[in-house]
Amino acid sequence: MAAYAGPSSVCKECIWFGRPFRVWRWFSARAKFCTRQCYDAARRAFSDALANGQLEGILAEERERAKAARLKLMRETAWL
């Protein structure tokens, strides 16, 4: 990350469009999108892909891991 003229801002790359944008240094860990419209477009695309089942292959493994973790926790707390 290259710093701009001031010490309080840094340059980040938008995860949707790939273009650089300035953000305050204290907010840089949370900043992912260059504009609100960019965030809305990314969220809409993710929602559409989720609704169409395009993310099922990616999310299925995570769901199984979460389910296994919940079952393990339930078994451990059932004996208490």
Protein backbone atom coordinates (compact mmCIF):
# COMPACT_ATOMS: atom_id res chain seq x y z
CA MET A 1 0.00 0.00 0.00
CA ALA A 2 1.44 3.30 -1.02
CA ALA A 3 0.74 6.30 1.14
CA TYR A 4 -0.67 9.45 -0.43
CA ALA A 5 0.39 13.00 0.41
CA GLY A 6 -0.96 12.82 3.94
CA PRO A 7 0.18 10.37 6.59
CA SER A 8 -3.43 9.60 7.51
CA SER A 9 -4.56 7.97 4.25
CA VAL A 10 -3.49 4.90 2.28
CA CYS A 11 -4.26 3.51 -1.15
CA LYS A 12 -6.17 0.22 -1.41
CA GLU A 13 -7.46 -1.76 -4.34
CA CYS A 14 -11.20 -2.29 -4.79
CA ILE A 15 -12.03 -6.02 -4.72
CA TRP A 16 -14.84 -5.58 -7.26
CA PHE A 17 -13.39 -3.22 -9.89
CA GLY A 18 -9.69 -3.52 -9.08
CA ARG A 19 -9.11 0.23 -9.15
CA PRO A 20 -7.20 2.07 -6.43
CA PHE A 21 -8.96 4.31 -3.93
CA ARG A 22 -7.95 6.35 -0.89
CA VAL A 23 -9.08 5.45 2.59
CA TRP A 24 -8.23 6.66 6.08
CA ARG A 25 -5.48 4.58 7.67
CA TRP A 26 -7.63 3.69 10.70
CA PHE A 27 -10.35 2.37 8.37
CA SER A 28 -8.07 0.54 5.93
CA ALA A 29 -8.54 -2.92 7.46
CA ARG A 30 -12.31 -2.80 6.81
CA ALA A 31 -12.34 -1.01 3.44
CA LYS A 32 -12.92 -3.34 0.49
CA PHE A 33 -14.94 -1.33 -2.05
CA CYS A 34 -14.23 2.05 -3.65
CA THR A 35 -17.84 3.33 -3.61
CA ARG A 36 -21.25 2.45 -2.26
CA GLN A 37 -22.42 1.63 -5.79
CA CYS A 38 -19.52 -0.80 -6.13
CA TYR A 39 -20.51 -2.50 -2.87
CA ASP A 40 -24.14 -2.73 -4.03
CA ALA A 41 -23.10 -4.27 -7.37
CA ALA A 42 -20.92 -6.88 -5.64
CA ARG A 43 -23.63 -7.75 -3.15
CA ARG A 44 -26.23 -8.07 -5.92
CA ALA A 45 -23.94 -10.37 -7.92
CA PHE A 46 -23.27 -12.53 -4.85
CA SER A 47 -26.99 -12.76 -4.04
CA ASP A 48 -27.82 -13.71 -7.63
CA ALA A 49 -25.12 -16.39 -7.67
CA LEU A 50 -26.37 -17.76 -4.36
CA ALA A 51 -29.97 -17.83 -5.57
CA ASN A 52 -28.99 -19.59 -8.81
CA GLY A 53 -27.05 -22.30 -6.96
CA GLN A 54 -23.68 -21.27 -8.42
CA LEU A 55 -22.07 -21.07 -4.97
CA GLU A 56 -23.37 -24.41 -3.73
CA GLY A 57 -20.09 -26.20 -4.44
CA ILE A 58 -18.15 -23.68 -2.39
CA LEU A 59 -20.60 -23.36 0.49
CA ALA A 60 -21.46 -27.06 0.85
CA GLU A 61 -18.09 -27.91 2.44
CA GLU A 62 -18.36 -25.01 4.90
CA ARG A 63 -21.89 -26.03 5.86
CA GLU A 64 -20.72 -29.58 6.57
CA ARG A 65 -17.87 -28.29 8.75
CA ALA A 66 -20.24 -26.02 10.68
CA LYS A 67 -22.74 -28.84 11.13
CA ALA A 68 -20.04 -31.18 12.42
CA ALA A 69 -18.82 -28.54 14.86
CA ARG A 70 -22.37 -27.96 16.17
CA LEU A 71 -22.95 -31.69 16.64
CA LYS A 72 -19.66 -32.07 18.47
CA LEU A 73 -20.51 -29.19 20.78
CA MET A 74 -23.98 -30.62 21.45
CA ARG A 75 -22.51 -34.01 22.33
CA GLU A 76 -19.95 -32.46 24.66
CA THR A 77 -22.48 -30.27 26.47
CA ALA A 78 -25.13 -32.99 26.69
CA TRP A 79 -23.10 -34.84 29.32
CA LEU A 80 -22.74 -31.79 31.58
